[in-house]
C-alpha cells in the first residue's frame, strides 16, 4: 500500500456506520419465501396427522420475515378458524404457527 493510500484510508468506523453495515449484512441473509405445491402440502398434512395420532415430535421450518427458523415439538392443537398450529416445543413453551408460514414439516430425530 502506498503512503498516500494509508493517509486517506479510514481507520476508524463510527458507531452509525457499524450499525449500517450490520443491518446491510443482515438484509443480505434474507431469503424469499418458497412457494409450496399441492403435493408438498398434502405430505405435510399426513406427517402432522400421524404425529398427532402417535404423539411424536416434529420439526417445523417456519418463514419469519425473510428468515427461516426451526421449531421442534409436538402439535398440541390445530385451530382451523385462525389457521394455525399450537406447538409445544422441547422447552415446554407454546408456539403459535400460522399455516401459511410453514415451509417444511419433518419428523424430529429421536434422542
PDB file of N, CA and C in Angstrom:
ATOM      1  N   UNK A   1       0.841  -1.168   0.000  1.00  0.00           N
ATOM      2  CA  UNK A   1       0.000   0.000   0.000  1.00  0.00           C
ATOM      3  C   UNK A   1       0.893   1.241   0.000  1.00  0.00           C
ATOM      4  N   UNK A   2       0.576   2.206  -0.810  1.00  0.00           N
ATOM      5  CA  UNK A   2       1.348   3.445  -0.854  1.00  0.00           C
ATOM      6  C   UNK A   2       1.088   4.294   0.377  1.00  0.00           C
ATOM      7  N   UNK A   3       1.975   5.232   0.589  1.00  0.00           N
ATOM      8  CA  UNK A   3       1.825   6.153   1.709  1.00  0.00           C
ATOM      9  C   UNK A   3       0.562   6.987   1.548  1.00  0.00           C
ATOM     10  N   UNK A   4       0.237   7.375   0.305  1.00  0.00           N
ATOM     11  CA  UNK A   4      -0.962   8.181   0.067  1.00  0.00           C
ATOM     12  C   UNK A   4      -2.223   7.385   0.387  1.00  0.00           C
ATOM     13  N   UNK A   5      -2.244   6.103   0.038  1.00  0.00           N
ATOM     14  CA  UNK A   5      -3.416   5.281   0.323  1.00  0.00           C
ATOM     15  C   UNK A   5      -3.654   5.171   1.822  1.00  0.00           C
ATOM     16  N   UNK A   6      -2.600   5.014   2.580  1.00  0.00           N
ATOM     17  CA  UNK A   6      -2.743   4.910   4.030  1.00  0.00           C
ATOM     18  C   UNK A   6      -3.219   6.215   4.641  1.00  0.00           C
ATOM     19  N   UNK A   7      -2.780   7.304   4.064  1.00  0.00           N
ATOM     20  CA  UNK A   7      -3.139   8.600   4.609  1.00  0.00           C
ATOM     21  C   UNK A   7      -4.638   8.878   4.443  1.00  0.00           C
ATOM     22  N   UNK A   8      -5.241   8.444   3.341  1.00  0.00           N
ATOM     23  CA  UNK A   8      -6.641   8.754   3.089  1.00  0.00           C
ATOM     24  C   UNK A   8      -7.593   7.617   3.492  1.00  0.00           C
ATOM     25  N   UNK A   9      -7.077   6.482   3.850  1.00  0.00           N
ATOM     26  CA  UNK A   9      -7.963   5.384   4.254  1.00  0.00           C
ATOM     27  C   UNK A   9      -8.485   5.627   5.668  1.00  0.00           C
ATOM     28  N   UNK A  10      -9.671   5.152   5.908  1.00  0.00           N
ATOM     29  CA  UNK A  10     -10.305   5.350   7.216  1.00  0.00           C
ATOM     30  C   UNK A  10      -9.922   4.205   8.147  1.00  0.00           C
ATOM     31  N   UNK A  11      -9.419   4.539   9.307  1.00  0.00           N
ATOM     32  CA  UNK A  11      -9.058   3.530  10.292  1.00  0.00           C
ATOM     33  C   UNK A  11     -10.093   3.451  11.405  1.00  0.00           C
ATOM     34  N   UNK A  12     -10.988   4.407  11.431  1.00  0.00           N
ATOM     35  CA  UNK A  12     -11.994   4.469  12.485  1.00  0.00           C
ATOM     36  C   UNK A  12     -13.371   4.329  11.843  1.00  0.00           C
ATOM     37  N   UNK A  13     -14.201   3.501  12.445  1.00  0.00           N
ATOM     38  CA  UNK A  13     -15.576   3.351  11.979  1.00  0.00           C
ATOM     39  C   UNK A  13     -16.488   3.936  13.046  1.00  0.00           C
ATOM     40  N   UNK A  14     -17.337   4.852  12.629  1.00  0.00           N
ATOM     41  CA  UNK A  14     -18.293   5.448  13.556  1.00  0.00           C
ATOM     42  C   UNK A  14     -19.355   4.418  13.934  1.00  0.00           C
ATOM     43  N   UNK A  15     -19.951   4.541  15.110  1.00  0.00           N
ATOM     44  CA  UNK A  15     -20.998   3.592  15.514  1.00  0.00           C
ATOM     45  C   UNK A  15     -22.164   3.539  14.527  1.00  0.00           C
ATOM     46  N   UNK A  16     -22.498   4.679  13.924  1.00  0.00           N
ATOM     47  CA  UNK A  16     -23.586   4.707  12.944  1.00  0.00           C
ATOM     48  C   UNK A  16     -23.223   3.889  11.710  1.00  0.00           C
ATOM     49  N   UNK A  17     -21.960   3.975  11.301  1.00  0.00           N
ATOM     50  CA  UNK A  17     -21.524   3.200  10.142  1.00  0.00           C
ATOM     51  C   UNK A  17     -21.521   1.710  10.456  1.00  0.00           C
ATOM     52  N   UNK A  18     -21.066   1.358  11.662  1.00  0.00           N
ATOM     53  CA  UNK A  18     -21.045  -0.044  12.069  1.00  0.00           C
ATOM     54  C   UNK A  18     -22.469  -0.611  12.098  1.00  0.00           C
ATOM     55  N   UNK A  19     -23.421   0.161  12.630  1.00  0.00           N
ATOM     56  CA  UNK A  19     -24.820  -0.292  12.676  1.00  0.00           C
ATOM     57  C   UNK A  19     -25.367  -0.458  11.267  1.00  0.00           C
ATOM     58  N   UNK A  20     -25.026   0.462  10.382  1.00  0.00           N
ATOM     59  CA  UNK A  20     -25.476   0.362   8.999  1.00  0.00           C
ATOM     60  C   UNK A  20     -24.904  -0.852   8.298  1.00  0.00           C
ATOM     61  N   UNK A  21     -23.629  -1.116   8.513  1.00  0.00           N
ATOM     62  CA  UNK A  21     -23.002  -2.293   7.905  1.00  0.00           C
ATOM     63  C   UNK A  21     -23.599  -3.588   8.448  1.00  0.00           C
ATOM     64  N   UNK A  22     -23.891  -3.606   9.735  1.00  0.00           N
ATOM     65  CA  UNK A  22     -24.519  -4.782  10.340  1.00  0.00           C
ATOM     66  C   UNK A  22     -25.906  -5.009   9.754  1.00  0.00           C
ATOM     67  N   UNK A  23     -26.670  -3.918   9.580  1.00  0.00           N
ATOM     68  CA  UNK A  23     -28.013  -4.017   9.015  1.00  0.00           C
ATOM     69  C   UNK A  23     -27.960  -4.518   7.571  1.00  0.00           C
ATOM     70  N   UNK A  24     -26.997  -4.012   6.790  1.00  0.00           N
ATOM     71  CA  UNK A  24     -26.853  -4.468   5.408  1.00  0.00           C
ATOM     72  C   UNK A  24     -26.487  -5.947   5.334  1.00  0.00           C
ATOM     73  N   UNK A  25     -25.622  -6.394   6.218  1.00  0.00           N
ATOM     74  CA  UNK A  25     -25.246  -7.813   6.242  1.00  0.00           C
ATOM     75  C   UNK A  25     -26.450  -8.683   6.586  1.00  0.00           C
ATOM     76  N   UNK A  26     -27.289  -8.212   7.511  1.00  0.00           N
ATOM     77  CA  UNK A  26     -28.493  -8.966   7.876  1.00  0.00           C
ATOM     78  C   UNK A  26     -29.483  -8.997   6.720  1.00  0.00           C
ATOM     79  N   UNK A  27     -29.604  -7.897   5.976  1.00  0.00           N
ATOM     80  CA  UNK A  27     -30.515  -7.853   4.829  1.00  0.00           C
ATOM     81  C   UNK A  27     -30.079  -8.820   3.730  1.00  0.00           C
ATOM     82  N   UNK A  28     -28.774  -9.004   3.572  1.00  0.00           N
ATOM     83  CA  UNK A  28     -28.270  -9.914   2.541  1.00  0.00           C
ATOM     84  C   UNK A  28     -28.587 -11.365   2.863  1.00  0.00           C
ATOM     85  N   UNK A  29     -28.781 -11.693   4.133  1.00  0.00           N
ATOM     86  CA  UNK A  29     -29.058 -13.070   4.529  1.00  0.00           C
ATOM     87  C   UNK A  29     -30.528 -13.441   4.382  1.00  0.00           C
ATOM     88  N   UNK A  30     -31.388 -12.475   4.121  1.00  0.00           N
ATOM     89  CA  UNK A  30     -32.813 -12.765   3.972  1.00  0.00           C
ATOM     90  C   UNK A  30     -33.057 -13.593   2.714  1.00  0.00           C
ATOM     91  N   UNK A  31     -34.091 -14.431   2.780  1.00  0.00           N
ATOM     92  CA  UNK A  31     -34.451 -15.282   1.650  1.00  0.00           C
ATOM     93  C   UNK A  31     -35.892 -15.002   1.245  1.00  0.00           C
ATOM     94  N   UNK A  32     -36.204 -15.341   0.010  1.00  0.00           N
ATOM     95  CA  UNK A  32     -37.564 -15.200  -0.497  1.00  0.00           C
ATOM     96  C   UNK A  32     -38.360 -16.422  -0.062  1.00  0.00           C
ATOM     97  N   UNK A  33     -39.616 -16.215   0.301  1.00  0.00           N
ATOM     98  CA  UNK A  33     -40.452 -17.326   0.762  1.00  0.00           C
ATOM     99  C   UNK A  33     -40.720 -18.288  -0.395  1.00  0.00           C
ATOM    100  N   UNK A  34     -40.390 -19.569  -0.217  1.00  0.00           N
ATOM    101  CA  UNK A  34     -40.651 -20.537  -1.282  1.00  0.00           C
ATOM    102  C   UNK A  34     -42.145 -20.850  -1.394  1.00  0.00           C
ATOM    103  N   UNK A  35     -42.575 -21.124  -2.615  1.00  0.00           N
ATOM    104  CA  UNK A  35     -43.964 -21.489  -2.870  1.00  0.00           C
ATOM    105  C   UNK A  35     -44.097 -23.010  -2.800  1.00  0.00           C
ATOM    106  N   UNK A  36     -45.105 -23.476  -2.089  1.00  0.00           N
ATOM    107  CA  UNK A  36     -45.329 -24.913  -1.941  1.00  0.00           C
ATOM    108  C   UNK A  36     -46.385 -25.371  -2.932  1.00  0.00           C
ATOM    109  N   UNK A  37     -46.189 -26.565  -3.489  1.00  0.00           N
ATOM    110  CA  UNK A  37     -47.214 -27.111  -4.367  1.00  0.00           C
ATOM    111  C   UNK A  37     -48.150 -28.012  -3.557  1.00  0.00           C
ATOM    112  N   UNK A  38     -49.211 -28.477  -4.199  1.00  0.00           N
ATOM    113  CA  UNK A  38     -50.247 -29.247  -3.505  1.00  0.00           C
ATOM    114  C   UNK A  38     -49.700 -30.550  -2.918  1.00  0.00           C
ATOM    115  N   UNK A  39     -48.771 -31.187  -3.606  1.00  0.00           N
ATOM    116  CA  UNK A  39     -48.220 -32.452  -3.119  1.00  0.00           C
ATOM    117  C   UNK A  39     -47.420 -32.248  -1.834  1.00  0.00           C
ATOM    118  N   UNK A  40     -46.625 -31.185  -1.766  1.00  0.00           N
ATOM    119  CA  UNK A  40     -45.861 -30.904  -0.551  1.00  0.00           C
ATOM    120  C   UNK A  40     -46.794 -30.618   0.624  1.00  0.00           C
ATOM    121  N   UNK A  41     -47.848 -29.869   0.373  1.00  0.00           N
ATOM    122  CA  UNK A  41     -48.808 -29.550   1.436  1.00  0.00           C
ATOM    123  C   UNK A  41     -49.487 -30.818   1.926  1.00  0.00           C
ATOM    124  N   UNK A  42     -49.853 -31.706   0.995  1.00  0.00           N
ATOM    125  CA  UNK A  42     -50.502 -32.964   1.377  1.00  0.00           C
ATOM    126  C   UNK A  42     -49.568 -33.841   2.216  1.00  0.00           C
ATOM    127  N   UNK A  43     -48.291 -33.903   1.844  1.00  0.00           N
ATOM    128  CA  UNK A  43     -47.323 -34.687   2.623  1.00  0.00           C
ATOM    129  C   UNK A  43     -47.164 -34.122   4.033  1.00  0.00           C
ATOM    130  N   UNK A  44     -47.162 -32.791   4.143  1.00  0.00           N
ATOM    131  CA  UNK A  44     -47.056 -32.171   5.467  1.00  0.00           C
ATOM    132  C   UNK A  44     -48.295 -32.464   6.306  1.00  0.00           C
ATOM    133  N   UNK A  45     -49.479 -32.442   5.678  1.00  0.00           N
ATOM    134  CA  UNK A  45     -50.717 -32.759   6.400  1.00  0.00           C
ATOM    135  C   UNK A  45     -50.681 -34.182   6.943  1.00  0.00           C
ATOM    136  N   UNK A  46     -50.206 -35.127   6.133  1.00  0.00           N
ATOM    137  CA  UNK A  46     -50.123 -36.523   6.566  1.00  0.00           C
ATOM    138  C   UNK A  46     -49.137 -36.659   7.725  1.00  0.00           C
ATOM    139  N   UNK A  47     -48.002 -35.981   7.630  1.00  0.00           N
ATOM    140  CA  UNK A  47     -46.993 -36.036   8.693  1.00  0.00           C
ATOM    141  C   UNK A  47     -47.551 -35.493  10.001  1.00  0.00           C
ATOM    142  N   UNK A  48     -48.278 -34.377   9.935  1.00  0.00           N
ATOM    143  CA  UNK A  48     -48.861 -33.783  11.145  1.00  0.00           C
ATOM    144  C   UNK A  48     -49.937 -34.697  11.722  1.00  0.00           C
ATOM    145  N   UNK A  49     -50.777 -35.290  10.861  1.00  0.00           N
ATOM    146  CA  UNK A  49     -51.832 -36.185  11.343  1.00  0.00           C
ATOM    147  C   UNK A  49     -51.235 -37.408  12.042  1.00  0.00           C
ATOM    148  N   UNK A  50     -50.182 -37.993  11.463  1.00  0.00           N
ATOM    149  CA  UNK A  50     -49.528 -39.143  12.099  1.00  0.00           C
ATOM    150  C   UNK A  50     -48.896 -38.749  13.426  1.00  0.00           C
ATOM    151  N   UNK A  51     -48.317 -37.569  13.466  1.00  0.00           N
ATOM    152  CA  UNK A  51     -47.691 -37.091  14.701  1.00  0.00           C
ATOM    153  C   UNK A  51     -48.718 -36.907  15.808  1.00  0.00           C
ATOM    154  N   UNK A  52     -49.874 -36.360  15.460  1.00  0.00           N
ATOM    155  CA  UNK A  52     -50.912 -36.160  16.476  1.00  0.00           C
ATOM    156  C   UNK A  52     -51.477 -37.494  16.945  1.00  0.00           C
ATOM    157  N   UNK A  53     -51.574 -38.461  16.033  1.00  0.00           N
ATOM    158  CA  UNK A  53     -52.115 -39.768  16.394  1.00  0.00           C
ATOM    159  C   UNK A  53     -51.176 -40.526  17.329  1.00  0.00           C
ATOM    160  N   UNK A  54     -49.882 -40.495  17.035  1.00  0.00           N
ATOM    161  CA  UNK A  54     -48.925 -41.276  17.810  1.00  0.00           C
ATOM    162  C   UNK A  54     -48.170 -40.460  18.852  1.00  0.00           C
ATOM    163  N   UNK A  55     -48.360 -39.151  18.887  1.00  0.00           N
ATOM    164  CA  UNK A  55     -47.718 -38.302  19.890  1.00  0.00           C
ATOM    165  C   UNK A  55     -46.236 -38.077  19.666  1.00  0.00           C
ATOM    166  N   UNK A  56     -45.796 -38.164  18.420  1.00  0.00           N
ATOM    167  CA  UNK A  56     -44.370 -37.971  18.138  1.00  0.00           C
ATOM    168  C   UNK A  56     -44.055 -36.495  17.886  1.00  0.00           C
ATOM    169  N   UNK A  57     -42.777 -36.157  17.996  1.00  0.00           N
ATOM    170  CA  UNK A  57     -42.339 -34.774  17.794  1.00  0.00           C
ATOM    171  C   UNK A  57     -42.029 -34.515  16.324  1.00  0.00           C
ATOM    172  N   UNK A  58     -42.201 -33.256  15.936  1.00  0.00           N
ATOM    173  CA  UNK A  58     -41.921 -32.821  14.577  1.00  0.00           C
ATOM    174  C   UNK A  58     -40.973 -31.632  14.598  1.00  0.00           C
ATOM    175  N   UNK A  59     -40.326 -31.406  13.469  1.00  0.00           N
ATOM    176  CA  UNK A  59     -39.515 -30.206  13.277  1.00  0.00           C
ATOM    177  C   UNK A  59     -40.160 -29.390  12.169  1.00  0.00           C
ATOM    178  N   UNK A  60     -40.560 -28.168  12.498  1.00  0.00           N
ATOM    179  CA  UNK A  60     -41.194 -27.261  11.551  1.00  0.00           C
ATOM    180  C   UNK A  60     -40.163 -26.246  11.073  1.00  0.00           C
ATOM    181  N   UNK A  61     -40.058 -26.060   9.754  1.00  0.00           N
ATOM    182  CA  UNK A  61     -39.283 -24.961   9.186  1.00  0.00           C
ATOM    183  C   UNK A  61     -40.277 -23.839   8.911  1.00  0.00           C
ATOM    184  N   UNK A  62     -40.060 -22.690   9.545  1.00  0.00           N
ATOM    185  CA  UNK A  62     -41.030 -21.598   9.508  1.00  0.00           C
ATOM    186  C   UNK A  62     -40.389 -20.367   8.889  1.00  0.00           C
ATOM    187  N   UNK A  63     -41.114 -19.744   7.944  1.00  0.00           N
ATOM    188  CA  UNK A  63     -40.665 -18.499   7.326  1.00  0.00           C
ATOM    189  C   UNK A  63     -41.071 -17.352   8.233  1.00  0.00           C
ATOM    190  N   UNK A  64     -40.079 -16.521   8.612  1.00  0.00           N
ATOM    191  CA  UNK A  64     -40.334 -15.428   9.552  1.00  0.00           C
ATOM    192  C   UNK A  64     -39.620 -14.163   9.078  1.00  0.00           C
ATOM    193  N   UNK A  65     -40.335 -13.321   8.325  1.00  0.00           N
ATOM    194  CA  UNK A  65     -39.811 -12.036   7.842  1.00  0.00           C
ATOM    195  C   UNK A  65     -38.467 -12.156   7.126  1.00  0.00           C
ATOM    196  N   UNK A  66     -38.377 -13.065   6.195  1.00  0.00           N
ATOM    197  CA  UNK A  66     -37.159 -13.204   5.409  1.00  0.00           C
ATOM    198  C   UNK A  66     -36.176 -14.224   5.935  1.00  0.00           C
ATOM    199  N   UNK A  67     -36.428 -14.754   7.098  1.00  0.00           N
ATOM    200  CA  UNK A  67     -35.535 -15.746   7.696  1.00  0.00           C
ATOM    201  C   UNK A  67     -36.300 -17.041   7.909  1.00  0.00           C
ATOM    202  N   UNK A  68     -35.569 -18.148   7.953  1.00  0.00           N
ATOM    203  CA  UNK A  68     -36.187 -19.445   8.209  1.00  0.00           C
ATOM    204  C   UNK A  68     -35.695 -19.926   9.562  1.00  0.00           C
ATOM    205  N   UNK A  69     -36.649 -20.232  10.445  1.00  0.00           N
ATOM    206  CA  UNK A  69     -36.287 -20.734  11.770  1.00  0.00           C
ATOM    207  C   UNK A  69     -36.946 -22.090  11.973  1.00  0.00           C
ATOM    208  N   UNK A  70     -36.396 -22.843  12.895  1.00  0.00           N
ATOM    209  CA  UNK A  70     -36.912 -24.180  13.186  1.00  0.00           C
ATOM    210  C   UNK A  70     -37.567 -24.201  14.552  1.00  0.00           C
ATOM    211  N   UNK A  71     -38.683 -24.917  14.629  1.00  0.00           N
ATOM    212  CA  UNK A  71     -39.347 -25.177  15.903  1.00  0.00           C
ATOM    213  C   UNK A  71     -39.532 -26.682  15.990  1.00  0.00           C
ATOM    214  N   UNK A  72     -39.033 -27.278  17.062  1.00  0.00           N
ATOM    215  CA  UNK A  72     -39.181 -28.713  17.270  1.00  0.00           C
ATOM    216  C   UNK A  72     -40.096 -28.936  18.456  1.00  0.00           C
ATOM    217  N   UNK A  73     -41.117 -29.758  18.245  1.00  0.00           N
ATOM    218  CA  UNK A  73     -42.064 -30.057  19.308  1.00  0.00           C
ATOM    219  C   UNK A  73     -43.221 -30.868  18.769  1.00  0.00           C
ATOM    220  N   UNK A  74     -44.239 -31.029  19.592  1.00  0.00           N
ATOM    221  CA  UNK A  74     -45.408 -31.794  19.175  1.00  0.00           C
ATOM    222  C   UNK A  74     -46.595 -30.857  18.989  1.00  0.00           C
ATOM    223  N   UNK A  75     -47.452 -31.217  18.037  1.00  0.00           N
ATOM    224  CA  UNK A  75     -48.637 -30.405  17.759  1.00  0.00           C
ATOM    225  C   UNK A  75     -49.632 -30.639  18.882  1.00  0.00           C
ATOM    226  N   UNK A  76     -49.976 -29.565  19.561  1.00  0.00           N
ATOM    227  CA  UNK A  76     -50.889 -29.636  20.696  1.00  0.00           C
ATOM    228  C   UNK A  76     -52.332 -29.433  20.246  1.00  0.00           C
ATOM    229  N   UNK A  77     -52.533 -28.530  19.279  1.00  0.00           N
ATOM    230  CA  UNK A  77     -53.882 -28.191  18.837  1.00  0.00           C
ATOM    231  C   UNK A  77     -53.810 -27.614  17.430  1.00  0.00           C
ATOM    232  N   UNK A  78     -54.822 -27.912  16.617  1.00  0.00           N
ATOM    233  CA  UNK A  78     -54.946 -27.334  15.280  1.00  0.00           C
ATOM    234  C   UNK A  78     -56.160 -26.420  15.298  1.00  0.00           C
ATOM    235  N   UNK A  79     -55.946 -25.134  15.077  1.00  0.00           N
ATOM    236  CA  UNK A  79     -57.023 -24.147  15.068  1.00  0.00           C
ATOM    237  C   UNK A  79     -57.368 -23.841  13.614  1.00  0.00           C
ATOM    238  N   UNK A  80     -58.489 -24.407  13.134  1.00  0.00           N
ATOM    239  CA  UNK A  80     -58.878 -24.230  11.739  1.00  0.00           C
ATOM    240  C   UNK A  80     -59.474 -22.853  11.484  1.00  0.00           C
ATOM    241  N   UNK A  81     -59.995 -22.210  12.503  1.00  0.00           N
ATOM    242  CA  UNK A  81     -60.567 -20.877  12.325  1.00  0.00           C
ATOM    243  C   UNK A  81     -59.456 -19.846  12.139  1.00  0.00           C
ATOM    244  N   UNK A  82     -58.449 -19.886  13.008  1.00  0.00           N
ATOM    245  CA  UNK A  82     -57.322 -18.950  12.901  1.00  0.00           C
ATOM    246  C   UNK A  82     -56.255 -19.432  11.927  1.00  0.00           C
ATOM    247  N   UNK A  83     -56.397 -20.669  11.459  1.00  0.00           N
ATOM    248  CA  UNK A  83     -55.456 -21.300  10.534  1.00  0.00           C
ATOM    249  C   UNK A  83     -54.045 -21.301  11.109  1.00  0.00           C
ATOM    250  N   UNK A  84     -53.914 -21.958  12.267  1.00  0.00           N
ATOM    251  CA  UNK A  84     -52.608 -22.046  12.914  1.00  0.00           C
ATOM    252  C   UNK A  84     -52.496 -23.322  13.739  1.00  0.00           C
ATOM    253  N   UNK A  85     -51.250 -23.729  13.958  1.00  0.00           N
ATOM    254  CA  UNK A  85     -50.947 -24.833  14.859  1.00  0.00           C
ATOM    255  C   UNK A  85     -50.509 -24.259  16.188  1.00  0.00           C
ATOM    256  N   UNK A  86     -50.780 -24.996  17.246  1.00  0.00           N
ATOM    257  CA  UNK A  86     -50.203 -24.679  18.549  1.00  0.00           C
ATOM    258  C   UNK A  86     -49.242 -25.812  18.862  1.00  0.00           C
ATOM    259  N   UNK A  87     -47.976 -25.456  18.940  1.00  0.00           N
ATOM    260  CA  UNK A  87     -46.914 -26.449  19.071  1.00  0.00           C
ATOM    261  C   UNK A  87     -46.248 -26.290  20.420  1.00  0.00           C
ATOM    262  N   UNK A  88     -46.203 -27.387  21.191  1.00  0.00           N
ATOM    263  CA  UNK A  88     -45.448 -27.407  22.452  1.00  0.00           C
ATOM    264  C   UNK A  88     -44.023 -27.798  22.109  1.00  0.00           C
ATOM    265  N   UNK A  89     -43.080 -26.877  22.315  1.00  0.00           N
ATOM    266  CA  UNK A  89     -41.696 -27.182  21.967  1.00  0.00           C
ATOM    267  C   UNK A  89     -40.994 -27.935  23.090  1.00  0.00           C
ATOM    268  N   UNK A  90     -39.727 -28.224  22.885  1.00  0.00           N
ATOM    269  CA  UNK A  90     -38.971 -29.036  23.840  1.00  0.00           C
ATOM    270  C   UNK A  90     -38.765 -28.330  25.175  1.00  0.00           C
ATOM    271  N   UNK A  91     -38.881 -27.004  25.201  1.00  0.00           N
ATOM    272  CA  UNK A  91     -38.739 -26.249  26.450  1.00  0.00           C
ATOM    273  C   UNK A  91     -40.050 -26.165  27.224  1.00  0.00           C
ATOM    274  N   UNK A  92     -41.148 -26.586  26.599  1.00  0.00           N
ATOM    275  CA  UNK A  92     -42.450 -26.513  27.241  1.00  0.00           C
ATOM    276  C   UNK A  92     -43.245 -25.283  26.847  1.00  0.00           C
ATOM    277  N   UNK A  93     -42.680 -24.426  25.992  1.00  0.00           N
ATOM    278  CA  UNK A  93     -43.381 -23.228  25.537  1.00  0.00           C
ATOM    279  C   UNK A  93     -44.354 -23.587  24.422  1.00  0.00           C
ATOM    280  N   UNK A  94     -45.416 -22.784  24.286  1.00  0.00           N
ATOM    281  CA  UNK A  94     -46.381 -22.970  23.214  1.00  0.00           C
ATOM    282  C   UNK A  94     -46.091 -21.965  22.115  1.00  0.00           C
ATOM    283  N   UNK A  95     -45.921 -22.458  20.890  1.00  0.00           N
ATOM    284  CA  UNK A  95     -45.678 -21.608  19.724  1.00  0.00           C
ATOM    285  C   UNK A  95     -46.920 -21.616  18.852  1.00  0.00           C
ATOM    286  N   UNK A  96     -47.363 -20.441  18.436  1.00  0.00           N
ATOM    287  CA  UNK A  96     -48.485 -20.310  17.523  1.00  0.00           C
ATOM    288  C   UNK A  96     -47.906 -20.138  16.118  1.00  0.00           C
ATOM    289  N   UNK A  97     -48.128 -21.124  15.265  1.00  0.00           N
ATOM    290  CA  UNK A  97     -47.542 -21.118  13.927  1.00  0.00           C
ATOM    291  C   UNK A  97     -48.666 -21.112  12.904  1.00  0.00           C
ATOM    292  N   UNK A  98     -48.679 -20.077  12.080  1.00  0.00           N
ATOM    293  CA  UNK A  98     -49.705 -19.975  11.031  1.00  0.00           C
ATOM    294  C   UNK A  98     -49.402 -20.949   9.900  1.00  0.00           C
ATOM    295  N   UNK A  99     -50.463 -21.475   9.295  1.00  0.00           N
ATOM    296  CA  UNK A  99     -50.304 -22.439   8.208  1.00  0.00           C
ATOM    297  C   UNK A  99     -49.466 -21.861   7.063  1.00  0.00           C
ATOM    298  N   UNK A 100     -49.707 -20.594   6.718  1.00  0.00           N
ATOM    299  CA  UNK A 100     -49.045 -20.010   5.543  1.00  0.00           C
ATOM    300  C   UNK A 100     -47.548 -19.788   5.757  1.00  0.00           C
ATOM    301  N   UNK A 101     -47.091 -19.795   7.006  1.00  0.00           N
ATOM    302  CA  UNK A 101     -45.674 -19.565   7.284  1.00  0.00           C
ATOM    303  C   UNK A 101     -44.850 -20.847   7.326  1.00  0.00           C
ATOM    304  N   UNK A 102     -45.503 -21.998   7.232  1.00  0.00           N
ATOM    305  CA  UNK A 102     -44.793 -23.279   7.310  1.00  0.00           C
ATOM    306  C   UNK A 102     -44.206 -23.612   5.943  1.00  0.00           C
ATOM    307  N   UNK A 103     -42.920 -23.916   5.939  1.00  0.00           N
ATOM    308  CA  UNK A 103     -42.220 -24.269   4.705  1.00  0.00           C
ATOM    309  C   UNK A 103     -42.035 -25.776   4.599  1.00  0.00           C
ATOM    310  N   UNK A 104     -41.732 -26.413   5.733  1.00  0.00           N
ATOM    311  CA  UNK A 104     -41.487 -27.852   5.716  1.00  0.00           C
ATOM    312  C   UNK A 104     -41.791 -28.434   7.090  1.00  0.00           C
ATOM    313  N   UNK A 105     -42.258 -29.668   7.103  1.00  0.00           N
ATOM    314  CA  UNK A 105     -42.501 -30.406   8.346  1.00  0.00           C
ATOM    315  C   UNK A 105     -41.846 -31.768   8.187  1.00  0.00           C
ATOM    316  N   UNK A 106     -41.056 -32.147   9.187  1.00  0.00           N
ATOM    317  CA  UNK A 106     -40.431 -33.470   9.154  1.00  0.00           C
ATOM    318  C   UNK A 106     -40.408 -34.037  10.562  1.00  0.00           C
ATOM    319  N   UNK A 107     -40.267 -35.353  10.634  1.00  0.00           N
ATOM    320  CA  UNK A 107     -40.206 -35.996  11.943  1.00  0.00           C
ATOM    321  C   UNK A 107     -38.919 -35.595  12.640  1.00  0.00           C
ATOM    322  N   UNK A 108     -39.034 -35.270  13.914  1.00  0.00           N
ATOM    323  CA  UNK A 108     -37.860 -34.867  14.697  1.00  0.00           C
ATOM    324  C   UNK A 108     -37.004 -36.090  14.978  1.00  0.00           C
ATOM    325  N   UNK A 109     -35.690 -35.919  14.980  1.00  0.00           N
ATOM    326  CA  UNK A 109     -34.824 -37.058  15.304  1.00  0.00           C
ATOM    327  C   UNK A 109     -35.045 -37.502  16.745  1.00  0.00           C
ATOM    328  N   UNK A 110     -35.055 -38.798  16.956  1.00  0.00           N
ATOM    329  CA  UNK A 110     -35.255 -39.348  18.301  1.00  0.00           C
ATOM    330  C   UNK A 110     -33.986 -39.198  19.109  1.00  0.00           C
ATOM    331  N   UNK A 111     -34.138 -38.812  20.364  1.00  0.00           N
ATOM    332  CA  UNK A 111     -32.973 -38.678  21.241  1.00  0.00           C
ATOM    333  C   UNK A 111     -32.743 -39.934  22.026  1.00  0.00           C
TER     334      UNK A 111
END
